[in-house]
C-alpha atoms as a PDB file:
ATOM      1  CA  MET A   1      -6.713 -29.016  41.113  1.00  0.00           C
ATOM      2  CA  ILE A   2      -8.062 -32.253  39.647  1.00  0.00           C
ATOM      3  CA  GLU A   3     -10.386 -32.957  42.577  1.00  0.00           C
ATOM      4  CA  GLU A   4     -12.527 -29.868  41.955  1.00  0.00           C
ATOM      5  CA  LEU A   5     -13.170 -30.978  38.364  1.00  0.00           C
ATOM      6  CA  LEU A   6     -14.642 -34.361  39.281  1.00  0.00           C
ATOM      7  CA  PRO A   7     -17.687 -35.700  41.152  1.00  0.00           C
ATOM      8  CA  SER A   8     -17.240 -36.716  44.777  1.00  0.00           C
ATOM      9  CA  THR A   9     -17.379 -40.418  43.875  1.00  0.00           C
ATOM     10  CA  VAL A  10     -13.966 -40.050  42.199  1.00  0.00           C
ATOM     11  CA  LEU A  11     -11.008 -40.209  44.589  1.00  0.00           C
ATOM     12  CA  THR A  12      -8.004 -38.137  43.570  1.00  0.00           C
ATOM     13  CA  VAL A  13      -4.440 -37.744  44.791  1.00  0.00           C
ATOM     14  CA  GLU A  14      -2.019 -35.085  43.536  1.00  0.00           C
ATOM     15  CA  ALA A  15       1.691 -34.506  44.031  1.00  0.00           C
ATOM     16  CA  TYR A  16       3.817 -31.452  43.323  1.00  0.00           C
ATOM     17  CA  GLY A  17       7.515 -31.091  42.747  1.00  0.00           C
ATOM     18  CA  ASP A  18       9.645 -34.160  43.472  1.00  0.00           C
ATOM     19  CA  GLU A  19       7.209 -35.859  45.826  1.00  0.00           C
ATOM     20  CA  GLY A  20       7.234 -39.616  45.310  1.00  0.00           C
ATOM     21  CA  VAL A  21       9.768 -39.696  42.467  1.00  0.00           C
ATOM     22  CA  ASP A  22      12.162 -42.009  44.336  1.00  0.00           C
ATOM     23  CA  ALA A  23       9.590 -44.325  45.919  1.00  0.00           C
ATOM     24  CA  PRO A  24      10.049 -48.087  45.455  1.00  0.00           C
ATOM     25  CA  LEU A  25       8.210 -49.808  42.619  1.00  0.00           C
ATOM     26  CA  TYR A  26       6.659 -53.249  42.446  1.00  0.00           C
ATOM     27  CA  PRO A  27       8.891 -55.710  40.558  1.00  0.00           C
ATOM     28  CA  GLU A  28       6.460 -55.759  37.609  1.00  0.00           C
ATOM     29  CA  GLU A  29       6.607 -51.960  37.406  1.00  0.00           C
ATOM     30  CA  GLU A  30      10.366 -51.930  37.806  1.00  0.00           C
ATOM     31  CA  ALA A  31      10.659 -54.150  34.747  1.00  0.00           C
ATOM     32  CA  VAL A  32       8.753 -51.590  32.662  1.00  0.00           C
ATOM     33  CA  VAL A  33      11.171 -48.729  33.381  1.00  0.00           C
ATOM     34  CA  ARG A  34      14.402 -50.630  33.935  1.00  0.00           C
ATOM     35  CA  ARG A  35      15.968 -49.064  30.817  1.00  0.00           C
ATOM     36  CA  ALA A  36      14.056 -45.770  30.919  1.00  0.00           C
ATOM     37  CA  VAL A  37      15.782 -42.403  31.173  1.00  0.00           C
ATOM     38  CA  LEU A  38      15.725 -40.795  34.612  1.00  0.00           C
ATOM     39  CA  LYS A  39      12.958 -38.285  33.786  1.00  0.00           C
ATOM     40  CA  ARG A  40      10.630 -41.021  32.517  1.00  0.00           C
ATOM     41  CA  ARG A  41      11.349 -43.226  35.530  1.00  0.00           C
ATOM     42  CA  ARG A  42      10.688 -40.434  38.029  1.00  0.00           C
ATOM     43  CA  GLU A  43       7.376 -39.478  36.384  1.00  0.00           C
ATOM     44  CA  PHE A  44       6.326 -43.129  36.132  1.00  0.00           C
ATOM     45  CA  THR A  45       7.076 -43.645  39.831  1.00  0.00           C
ATOM     46  CA  ALA A  46       5.512 -40.459  41.199  1.00  0.00           C
ATOM     47  CA  VAL A  47       2.191 -40.930  39.437  1.00  0.00           C
ATOM     48  CA  ARG A  48       1.978 -44.520  40.663  1.00  0.00           C
ATOM     49  CA  VAL A  49       2.511 -43.323  44.211  1.00  0.00           C
ATOM     50  CA  CYS A  50      -0.533 -41.117  43.653  1.00  0.00           C
ATOM     51  CA  ALA A  51      -2.461 -44.091  42.258  1.00  0.00           C
ATOM     52  CA  ARG A  52      -1.622 -46.265  45.257  1.00  0.00           C
ATOM     53  CA  ARG A  53      -2.721 -43.531  47.659  1.00  0.00           C
ATOM     54  CA  ALA A  54      -5.975 -43.206  45.733  1.00  0.00           C
ATOM     55  CA  MET A  55      -6.503 -46.974  46.036  1.00  0.00           C
ATOM     56  CA  GLU A  56      -6.015 -46.703  49.788  1.00  0.00           C
ATOM     57  CA  LYS A  57      -8.565 -43.868  49.971  1.00  0.00           C
ATOM     58  CA  LEU A  58     -11.021 -46.175  48.200  1.00  0.00           C
ATOM     59  CA  GLY A  59     -10.299 -48.970  50.661  1.00  0.00           C
ATOM     60  CA  VAL A  60      -8.538 -51.092  48.035  1.00  0.00           C
ATOM     61  CA  ALA A  61      -5.229 -52.815  48.713  1.00  0.00           C
ATOM     62  CA  PRO A  62      -2.530 -51.060  46.654  1.00  0.00           C
ATOM     63  CA  GLY A  63      -0.958 -53.008  43.820  1.00  0.00           C
ATOM     64  CA  PRO A  64       1.104 -52.543  40.662  1.00  0.00           C
ATOM     65  CA  VAL A  65      -0.284 -50.377  37.873  1.00  0.00           C
ATOM     66  CA  LEU A  66       1.116 -51.648  34.598  1.00  0.00           C
ATOM     67  CA  PRO A  67       0.661 -50.037  31.179  1.00  0.00           C
ATOM     68  CA  ASP A  68      -1.117 -51.860  28.373  1.00  0.00           C
ATOM     69  CA  GLU A  69       0.172 -51.949  24.796  1.00  0.00           C
ATOM     70  CA  ARG A  70      -0.870 -48.309  24.269  1.00  0.00           C
ATOM     71  CA  GLY A  71       0.453 -47.131  27.621  1.00  0.00           C
ATOM     72  CA  ALA A  72      -2.937 -46.879  29.329  1.00  0.00           C
ATOM     73  CA  PRO A  73      -3.000 -47.983  32.992  1.00  0.00           C
ATOM     74  CA  LEU A  74      -4.363 -51.425  33.826  1.00  0.00           C
ATOM     75  CA  TRP A  75      -6.357 -51.003  37.026  1.00  0.00           C
ATOM     76  CA  PRO A  76      -7.212 -53.681  39.577  1.00  0.00           C
ATOM     77  CA  GLU A  77     -10.547 -55.378  39.020  1.00  0.00           C
ATOM     78  CA  GLY A  78     -13.445 -53.224  40.121  1.00  0.00           C
ATOM     79  CA  LEU A  79     -11.698 -49.896  39.527  1.00  0.00           C
ATOM     80  CA  ALA A  80     -11.634 -47.376  36.701  1.00  0.00           C
ATOM     81  CA  GLY A  81      -9.375 -44.379  36.567  1.00  0.00           C
ATOM     82  CA  SER A  82      -6.846 -42.159  34.905  1.00  0.00           C
ATOM     83  CA  MET A  83      -3.394 -40.707  35.582  1.00  0.00           C
ATOM     84  CA  THR A  84      -1.469 -37.690  34.360  1.00  0.00           C
ATOM     85  CA  HIS A  85       1.935 -36.108  34.854  1.00  0.00           C
ATOM     86  CA  CYS A  86       3.805 -33.085  33.609  1.00  0.00           C
ATOM     87  CA  GLN A  87       6.776 -31.108  34.868  1.00  0.00           C
ATOM     88  CA  GLY A  88       6.356 -30.633  38.610  1.00  0.00           C
ATOM     89  CA  TYR A  89       2.900 -32.178  38.915  1.00  0.00           C
ATOM     90  CA  CYS A  90       1.156 -35.532  38.760  1.00  0.00           C
ATOM     91  CA  ALA A  91      -2.252 -36.887  39.732  1.00  0.00           C
ATOM     92  CA  ALA A  92      -4.347 -40.031  39.767  1.00  0.00           C
ATOM     93  CA  ALA A  93      -8.143 -40.297  39.795  1.00  0.00           C
ATOM     94  CA  LEU A  94      -9.932 -43.537  40.681  1.00  0.00           C
ATOM     95  CA  VAL A  95     -13.559 -44.574  40.933  1.00  0.00           C
ATOM     96  CA  ARG A  96     -15.287 -47.843  41.646  1.00  0.00           C
ATOM     97  CA  VAL A  97     -16.821 -49.582  38.661  1.00  0.00           C
ATOM     98  CA  GLY A  98     -20.531 -49.048  39.111  1.00  0.00           C
ATOM     99  CA  GLU A  99     -20.172 -45.339  39.888  1.00  0.00           C
ATOM    100  CA  LEU A 100     -18.980 -44.163  36.457  1.00  0.00           C
ATOM    101  CA  ALA A 101     -18.330 -45.787  33.107  1.00  0.00           C
ATOM    102  CA  SER A 102     -15.016 -43.986  32.606  1.00  0.00           C
ATOM    103  CA  VAL A 103     -12.861 -41.060  33.679  1.00  0.00           C
ATOM    104  CA  GLY A 104     -10.018 -39.199  31.981  1.00  0.00           C
ATOM    105  CA  ILE A 105      -7.698 -36.536  33.402  1.00  0.00           C
ATOM    106  CA  ASP A 106      -4.818 -34.500  32.027  1.00  0.00           C
ATOM    107  CA  ALA A 107      -2.497 -31.732  33.239  1.00  0.00           C
ATOM    108  CA  GLU A 108      -0.207 -29.525  31.166  1.00  0.00           C
ATOM    109  CA  PRO A 109       2.017 -26.521  31.792  1.00  0.00           C
ATOM    110  CA  HIS A 110       0.029 -23.324  31.281  1.00  0.00           C
ATOM    111  CA  ALA A 111       1.983 -22.109  28.278  1.00  0.00           C
ATOM    112  CA  ALA A 112       1.434 -21.795  24.550  1.00  0.00           C
ATOM    113  CA  LEU A 113       1.821 -24.928  22.459  1.00  0.00           C
ATOM    114  CA  PRO A 114       5.011 -25.161  20.404  1.00  0.00           C
ATOM    115  CA  GLU A 115       4.730 -23.649  16.950  1.00  0.00           C
ATOM    116  CA  GLY A 116       2.913 -25.902  14.490  1.00  0.00           C
ATOM    117  CA  VAL A 117       1.269 -28.156  17.085  1.00  0.00           C
ATOM    118  CA  LEU A 118      -2.132 -26.462  17.120  1.00  0.00           C
ATOM    119  CA  THR A 119      -2.824 -27.103  13.438  1.00  0.00           C
ATOM    120  CA  ALA A 120      -1.895 -30.763  13.993  1.00  0.00           C
ATOM    121  CA  VAL A 121      -4.434 -31.272  16.778  1.00  0.00           C
ATOM    122  CA  ALA A 122      -7.250 -28.794  16.060  1.00  0.00           C
ATOM    123  CA  LEU A 123     -10.078 -28.662  13.562  1.00  0.00           C
ATOM    124  CA  PRO A 124     -10.606 -25.371  11.666  1.00  0.00           C
ATOM    125  CA  GLY A 125     -13.698 -24.575  13.736  1.00  0.00           C
ATOM    126  CA  GLU A 126     -11.758 -25.166  16.944  1.00  0.00           C
ATOM    127  CA  VAL A 127      -8.981 -22.834  15.795  1.00  0.00           C
ATOM    128  CA  ALA A 128     -11.542 -20.102  15.117  1.00  0.00           C
ATOM    129  CA  ARG A 129     -13.235 -20.562  18.495  1.00  0.00           C
ATOM    130  CA  ILE A 130      -9.884 -20.534  20.308  1.00  0.00           C
ATOM    131  CA  ALA A 131      -8.922 -17.305  18.569  1.00  0.00           C
ATOM    132  CA  ARG A 132     -12.155 -15.684  19.728  1.00  0.00           C
ATOM    133  CA  LEU A 133     -11.757 -16.909  23.314  1.00  0.00           C
ATOM    134  CA  SER A 134      -8.132 -15.770  23.420  1.00  0.00           C
ATOM    135  CA  GLY A 135      -9.312 -12.273  22.574  1.00  0.00           C
ATOM    136  CA  GLU A 136     -11.985 -12.348  25.273  1.00  0.00           C
ATOM    137  CA  VAL A 137      -9.836 -13.948  28.009  1.00  0.00           C
ATOM    138  CA  PRO A 138      -6.196 -13.232  27.122  1.00  0.00           C
ATOM    139  CA  GLY A 139      -4.859 -14.765  30.335  1.00  0.00           C
ATOM    140  CA  VAL A 140      -5.588 -18.340  29.200  1.00  0.00           C
ATOM    141  CA  HIS A 141      -3.577 -20.325  26.674  1.00  0.00           C
ATOM    142  CA  PHE A 142      -6.588 -21.885  24.971  1.00  0.00           C
ATOM    143  CA  ASP A 143      -4.404 -23.774  22.511  1.00  0.00           C
ATOM    144  CA  ARG A 144      -2.846 -25.714  25.385  1.00  0.00           C
ATOM    145  CA  LEU A 145      -6.273 -26.099  27.002  1.00  0.00           C
ATOM    146  CA  LEU A 146      -7.585 -27.666  23.805  1.00  0.00           C
ATOM    147  CA  PHE A 147      -4.667 -30.107  23.720  1.00  0.00           C
ATOM    148  CA  SER A 148      -5.210 -31.082  27.358  1.00  0.00           C
ATOM    149  CA  ALA A 149      -8.961 -31.508  26.952  1.00  0.00           C
ATOM    150  CA  LYS A 150      -8.466 -33.769  23.932  1.00  0.00           C
ATOM    151  CA  GLU A 151      -6.056 -35.861  25.999  1.00  0.00           C
ATOM    152  CA  SER A 152      -8.707 -36.225  28.715  1.00  0.00           C
ATOM    153  CA  VAL A 153     -11.328 -37.147  26.121  1.00  0.00           C
ATOM    154  CA  TYR A 154      -9.051 -39.864  24.751  1.00  0.00           C
ATOM    155  CA  LYS A 155      -8.303 -41.224  28.212  1.00  0.00           C
ATOM    156  CA  ALA A 156     -12.034 -41.525  28.920  1.00  0.00           C
ATOM    157  CA  TRP A 157     -12.727 -42.968  25.437  1.00  0.00           C
ATOM    158  CA  TYR A 158     -10.048 -45.644  25.301  1.00  0.00           C
ATOM    159  CA  PRO A 159     -11.196 -47.900  28.199  1.00  0.00           C
ATOM    160  CA  LEU A 160     -14.688 -47.988  26.651  1.00  0.00           C
ATOM    161  CA  THR A 161     -13.555 -48.853  23.128  1.00  0.00           C
ATOM    162  CA  GLY A 162     -10.014 -50.206  23.184  1.00  0.00           C
ATOM    163  CA  LYS A 163      -9.411 -48.041  20.117  1.00  0.00           C
ATOM    164  CA  TRP A 164      -7.308 -45.027  19.221  1.00  0.00           C
ATOM    165  CA  LEU A 165      -9.127 -41.679  18.922  1.00  0.00           C
ATOM    166  CA  ASP A 166      -7.396 -39.177  16.664  1.00  0.00           C
ATOM    167  CA  PHE A 167      -7.166 -35.519  17.677  1.00  0.00           C
ATOM    168  CA  MET A 168      -9.285 -34.670  14.642  1.00  0.00           C
ATOM    169  CA  GLU A 169     -12.069 -37.085  15.624  1.00  0.00           C
ATOM    170  CA  ALA A 170     -13.484 -34.922  18.421  1.00  0.00           C
ATOM    171  CA  ASP A 171     -14.744 -31.343  18.074  1.00  0.00           C
ATOM    172  CA  LEU A 172     -14.417 -29.343  21.300  1.00  0.00           C
ATOM    173  CA  GLU A 173     -16.186 -26.229  22.520  1.00  0.00           C
ATOM    174  CA  PHE A 174     -15.213 -24.368  25.689  1.00  0.00           C
ATOM    175  CA  GLN A 175     -17.141 -22.354  28.226  1.00  0.00           C
ATOM    176  CA  VAL A 176     -15.459 -19.880  30.576  1.00  0.00           C
ATOM    177  CA  GLU A 177     -17.151 -19.574  33.963  1.00  0.00           C
ATOM    178  CA  ASP A 178     -15.333 -16.586  35.420  1.00  0.00           C
ATOM    179  CA  GLY A 179     -13.920 -13.342  34.085  1.00  0.00           C
ATOM    180  CA  GLU A 180     -10.320 -14.229  34.888  1.00  0.00           C
ATOM    181  CA  GLY A 181     -10.482 -17.505  33.000  1.00  0.00           C
ATOM    182  CA  THR A 182      -9.508 -19.766  35.873  1.00  0.00           C
ATOM    183  CA  ARG A 183     -12.193 -22.397  35.304  1.00  0.00           C
ATOM    184  CA  GLY A 184     -14.897 -23.606  32.959  1.00  0.00           C
ATOM    185  CA  ALA A 185     -16.456 -26.511  31.133  1.00  0.00           C
ATOM    186  CA  PHE A 186     -16.135 -28.119  27.721  1.00  0.00           C
ATOM    187  CA  ARG A 187     -18.100 -30.332  25.372  1.00  0.00           C
ATOM    188  CA  ALA A 188     -16.537 -32.825  22.956  1.00  0.00           C
ATOM    189  CA  THR A 189     -18.659 -33.986  20.024  1.00  0.00           C
ATOM    190  CA  LEU A 190     -17.293 -37.259  18.682  1.00  0.00           C
ATOM    191  CA  LEU A 191     -16.947 -37.339  14.902  1.00  0.00           C
ATOM    192  CA  VAL A 192     -16.777 -41.145  14.845  1.00  0.00           C
ATOM    193  CA  ASP A 193     -19.148 -43.724  16.303  1.00  0.00           C
ATOM    194  CA  GLY A 194     -19.041 -43.369  20.058  1.00  0.00           C
ATOM    195  CA  PRO A 195     -18.935 -46.135  22.653  1.00  0.00           C
ATOM    196  CA  VAL A 196     -22.065 -47.925  23.802  1.00  0.00           C
ATOM    197  CA  VAL A 197     -22.661 -47.330  27.517  1.00  0.00           C
ATOM    198  CA  GLY A 198     -25.664 -48.730  29.315  1.00  0.00           C
ATOM    199  CA  GLY A 199     -27.140 -49.839  26.012  1.00  0.00           C
ATOM    200  CA  ARG A 200     -26.932 -46.337  24.498  1.00  0.00           C
ATOM    201  CA  GLY A 201     -24.430 -44.818  22.114  1.00  0.00           C
ATOM    202  CA  VAL A 202     -22.476 -41.905  23.581  1.00  0.00           C
ATOM    203  CA  ASN A 203     -21.567 -39.262  21.004  1.00  0.00           C
ATOM    204  CA  VAL A 204     -20.761 -36.374  23.345  1.00  0.00           C
ATOM    205  CA  PHE A 205     -18.291 -36.266  26.240  1.00  0.00           C
ATOM    206  CA  THR A 206     -18.388 -33.426  28.742  1.00  0.00           C
ATOM    207  CA  GLY A 207     -15.698 -32.172  31.045  1.00  0.00           C
ATOM    208  CA  ARG A 208     -14.340 -29.375  33.189  1.00  0.00           C
ATOM    209  CA  TRP A 209     -11.112 -27.391  33.243  1.00  0.00           C
ATOM    210  CA  THR A 210      -9.079 -25.071  35.422  1.00  0.00           C
ATOM    211  CA  ALA A 211      -6.020 -22.903  34.811  1.00  0.00           C
ATOM    212  CA  ARG A 212      -3.911 -21.709  37.735  1.00  0.00           C
ATOM    213  CA  GLN A 213      -0.612 -22.236  39.556  1.00  0.00           C
ATOM    214  CA  GLY A 214       1.133 -22.400  36.196  1.00  0.00           C
ATOM    215  CA  LEU A 215      -0.896 -25.445  35.153  1.00  0.00           C
ATOM    216  CA  ILE A 216      -3.911 -26.358  33.065  1.00  0.00           C
ATOM    217  CA  ALA A 217      -5.946 -29.352  34.238  1.00  0.00           C
ATOM    218  CA  THR A 218      -8.865 -31.031  32.503  1.00  0.00           C
ATOM    219  CA  ALA A 219     -11.161 -33.907  33.408  1.00  0.00           C
ATOM    220  CA  VAL A 220     -13.865 -35.920  31.633  1.00  0.00           C
ATOM    221  CA  THR A 221     -16.363 -38.339  33.137  1.00  0.00           C
ATOM    222  CA  VAL A 222     -18.727 -40.693  31.330  1.00  0.00           C
ATOM    223  CA  ALA A 223     -21.865 -41.667  33.213  1.00  0.00           C
ATOM    224  CA  LEU A 224     -23.045 -45.256  33.304  1.00  0.00           C
ATOM    225  CA  ALA A 225     -26.396 -44.341  31.807  1.00  0.00           C
ATOM    226  CA  GLY A 226     -24.668 -42.852  28.775  1.00  0.00           C
END
């Protein structure tokens, strides 16, 4: 799912079900989840198996992927990337530095957000646009799509800035590319000063999405030229 949302320079690996959940960890990774509950440990492990396979596809020797103070993955020198996991699915996307400035991916179950969450993550204009789209394409949970897309925007933003981006600091608009609502694109207008990439400020992030197999997946890439 993730692969079709990204340019060919980005190498992706996905896993479904329980694949990789019991794989061995590097000692440094083991220390991170030594006291974690079983669900957290299994997700942590499975997505790192995906990351290591993506490294191998790039011709890079696999190594530990540790989280920084905000939980973002610390990639080996020369690589940029993103990881995601939800119930029954995980994925990693990696690219060589020099191909893209940043990448962010996210996957969520294709179901409505819990009550009260939408108003906590969406601007009034976004709520109105989601309501309209839900009427036009009732088979898509656009509230969950919005949440996922904002997660992907943040994951692409953070490596470029080292700063938190609040849900209310990006205004998203969605495009549906087929009548069934299985895929499309989105545009995120940053409401705060964007990162400087290639000597230019970036105030808009663009991405793609898909909804199928009980999942919603989103991906954002930031070009080096800004």
